[in-house]
């Protein structure tokens, strides 16, 4: 987990610099009424960090916690479209630094403990799987934001 935490930390640090260079108009532009802007995608990554942090903490001491995340509702209700760009970036960086600390200090005996994400038709996932998937998910959305 320590290696994975370091990878997440590096991806966040590298991309924060690039995201800051995106013009506000391009960062805020919605490609259609039903698609997220780059700013809303970053807000979604904030939400992902919050939900996964819950999984990484509660998954260590609860018996298969069920932590469901309704991404569209979270983005809409928090109105990331109105969020100050720099504050949103700082929030994303800070949450991920904390998440990485949590992963770094996790006892290896907890890596295979499971969490229920509540998605229909999916099995339970280990904390190890969720951490790896978190990084993949983040990279996918960062490509949408920075266009790489």
Protein backbone atom coordinates (compact mmCIF):
# COMPACT_ATOMS: atom_id res chain seq x y z
CA UNK A 1 0.00 0.00 0.00
CA UNK A 2 2.88 2.34 0.65
CA UNK A 3 3.98 2.11 -2.98
CA UNK A 4 0.43 2.69 -4.20
CA UNK A 5 0.06 5.65 -1.86
CA UNK A 6 3.25 7.15 -3.26
CA UNK A 7 1.97 6.67 -6.82
CA UNK A 8 -1.28 8.44 -5.96
CA UNK A 9 0.61 11.26 -4.25
CA UNK A 10 2.81 11.74 -7.34
CA UNK A 11 -0.10 11.64 -9.80
CA UNK A 12 -1.93 14.27 -7.76
CA UNK A 13 1.11 16.54 -7.44
CA UNK A 14 1.91 16.33 -11.16
CA UNK A 15 -1.66 16.93 -12.26
CA UNK A 16 -2.36 19.77 -9.84
CA UNK A 17 0.25 21.83 -11.69
CA UNK A 18 -1.30 21.06 -15.08
CA UNK A 19 -4.86 21.69 -13.86
CA UNK A 20 -3.85 25.09 -12.53
CA UNK A 21 -2.69 26.03 -16.05
CA UNK A 22 -6.10 25.34 -17.63
CA UNK A 23 -7.98 28.54 -18.46
CA UNK A 24 -11.00 29.07 -16.21
CA UNK A 25 -13.39 29.24 -19.18
CA UNK A 26 -12.16 25.85 -20.48
CA UNK A 27 -12.17 24.40 -16.95
CA UNK A 28 -15.79 25.49 -16.38
CA UNK A 29 -17.20 24.68 -19.83
CA UNK A 30 -19.90 21.98 -19.93
CA UNK A 31 -19.76 20.09 -23.23
CA UNK A 32 -23.51 19.44 -22.91
CA UNK A 33 -26.18 19.91 -20.23
CA UNK A 34 -25.82 16.26 -19.15
CA UNK A 35 -22.00 16.07 -19.18
CA UNK A 36 -19.68 17.34 -16.50
CA UNK A 37 -17.27 20.21 -17.00
CA UNK A 38 -13.60 19.66 -16.17
CA UNK A 39 -14.30 21.47 -12.89
CA UNK A 40 -17.14 19.07 -12.09
CA UNK A 41 -14.93 16.11 -12.97
CA UNK A 42 -12.40 17.36 -10.43
CA UNK A 43 -15.27 17.73 -7.94
CA UNK A 44 -16.16 14.12 -8.68
CA UNK A 45 -12.57 13.16 -7.83
CA UNK A 46 -12.97 15.03 -4.52
CA UNK A 47 -16.08 12.96 -3.83
CA UNK A 48 -14.29 9.78 -4.85
CA UNK A 49 -11.52 10.56 -2.38
CA UNK A 50 -14.06 11.15 0.40
CA UNK A 51 -16.00 7.96 -0.26
CA UNK A 52 -12.90 5.82 -0.65
CA UNK A 53 -11.34 7.28 2.47
CA UNK A 54 -14.45 6.07 4.33
CA UNK A 55 -13.94 2.63 2.81
CA UNK A 56 -10.25 2.53 3.74
CA UNK A 57 -10.90 3.55 7.34
CA UNK A 58 -14.19 1.83 8.13
CA UNK A 59 -13.18 -1.27 6.15
CA UNK A 60 -10.43 -1.89 8.69
CA UNK A 61 -12.68 -2.06 11.75
CA UNK A 62 -16.22 -2.76 10.51
CA UNK A 63 -17.40 -6.10 9.22
CA UNK A 64 -17.90 -5.47 5.47
CA UNK A 65 -19.21 -1.88 5.58
CA UNK A 66 -21.62 -0.88 2.84
CA UNK A 67 -20.61 2.52 1.50
CA UNK A 68 -22.66 3.57 -1.51
CA UNK A 69 -21.80 6.60 -3.63
CA UNK A 70 -24.27 8.24 -6.01
CA UNK A 71 -21.85 10.29 -8.08
CA UNK A 72 -24.29 12.43 -10.08
CA UNK A 73 -26.17 13.51 -6.97
CA UNK A 74 -22.97 14.35 -5.13
CA UNK A 75 -21.66 16.54 -7.98
CA UNK A 76 -25.01 18.25 -8.49
CA UNK A 77 -25.78 18.91 -4.82
CA UNK A 78 -22.33 20.30 -4.04
CA UNK A 79 -22.48 22.62 -7.05
CA UNK A 80 -18.87 22.22 -8.05
CA UNK A 81 -19.63 24.40 -11.07
CA UNK A 82 -19.72 27.36 -8.63
CA UNK A 83 -16.61 26.36 -6.68
CA UNK A 84 -13.52 28.56 -6.73
CA UNK A 85 -10.96 26.81 -8.95
CA UNK A 86 -7.96 27.11 -6.63
CA UNK A 87 -9.96 26.11 -3.56
CA UNK A 88 -11.21 23.02 -5.40
CA UNK A 89 -7.69 22.06 -6.43
CA UNK A 90 -6.42 22.54 -2.87
CA UNK A 91 -9.29 20.43 -1.50
CA UNK A 92 -8.53 17.64 -3.99
CA UNK A 93 -4.80 17.70 -3.18
CA UNK A 94 -5.38 17.79 0.59
CA UNK A 95 -7.90 14.95 0.59
CA UNK A 96 -5.59 12.79 -1.48
CA UNK A 97 -2.61 13.53 0.76
CA UNK A 98 -4.70 12.41 3.73
CA UNK A 99 -5.96 9.35 1.85
CA UNK A 100 -2.35 8.45 0.99
CA UNK A 101 -1.34 8.79 4.62
CA UNK A 102 -4.20 6.46 5.57
CA UNK A 103 -3.07 3.89 3.01
CA UNK A 104 0.56 4.22 4.10
CA UNK A 105 -0.17 3.42 7.74
CA UNK A 106 -2.68 0.63 7.05
CA UNK A 107 -1.73 -2.65 8.68
CA UNK A 108 -1.10 -5.26 5.98
CA UNK A 109 -3.40 -7.63 7.88
CA UNK A 110 -6.27 -5.40 6.71
CA UNK A 111 -5.51 -5.40 2.98
CA UNK A 112 -7.85 -8.31 2.28
CA UNK A 113 -10.75 -7.06 4.41
CA UNK A 114 -13.80 -6.37 2.28
CA UNK A 115 -16.14 -3.51 1.59
CA UNK A 116 -19.52 -3.44 -0.16
CA UNK A 117 -19.79 -0.56 -2.64
CA UNK A 118 -23.50 -1.24 -3.02
CA UNK A 119 -23.44 -1.45 -6.79
CA UNK A 120 -25.95 -4.00 -8.11
CA UNK A 121 -24.37 -7.15 -9.47
CA UNK A 122 -20.93 -6.55 -8.01
CA UNK A 123 -19.17 -8.65 -5.46
CA UNK A 124 -17.46 -7.40 -2.36
CA UNK A 125 -14.07 -5.79 -2.90
CA UNK A 126 -10.94 -5.97 -0.79
CA UNK A 127 -9.35 -2.77 0.44
CA UNK A 128 -6.33 -3.67 -1.66
CA UNK A 129 -8.49 -3.89 -4.81
CA UNK A 130 -10.27 -0.63 -3.95
CA UNK A 131 -6.98 1.21 -3.50
CA UNK A 132 -5.67 0.00 -6.85
CA UNK A 133 -8.98 0.78 -8.54
CA UNK A 134 -8.97 4.26 -6.96
CA UNK A 135 -5.74 5.12 -8.75
CA UNK A 136 -7.01 3.74 -12.08
CA UNK A 137 -10.26 5.69 -11.71
CA UNK A 138 -8.36 8.89 -10.91
CA UNK A 139 -6.06 8.51 -13.91
CA UNK A 140 -9.06 7.95 -16.20
CA UNK A 141 -10.72 11.19 -15.09
CA UNK A 142 -7.48 13.18 -15.07
CA UNK A 143 -7.06 12.27 -18.73
CA UNK A 144 -10.50 13.80 -19.32
CA UNK A 145 -9.43 16.98 -17.54
CA UNK A 146 -5.98 17.51 -19.02
CA UNK A 147 -6.63 15.86 -22.38
CA UNK A 148 -3.77 13.37 -22.31
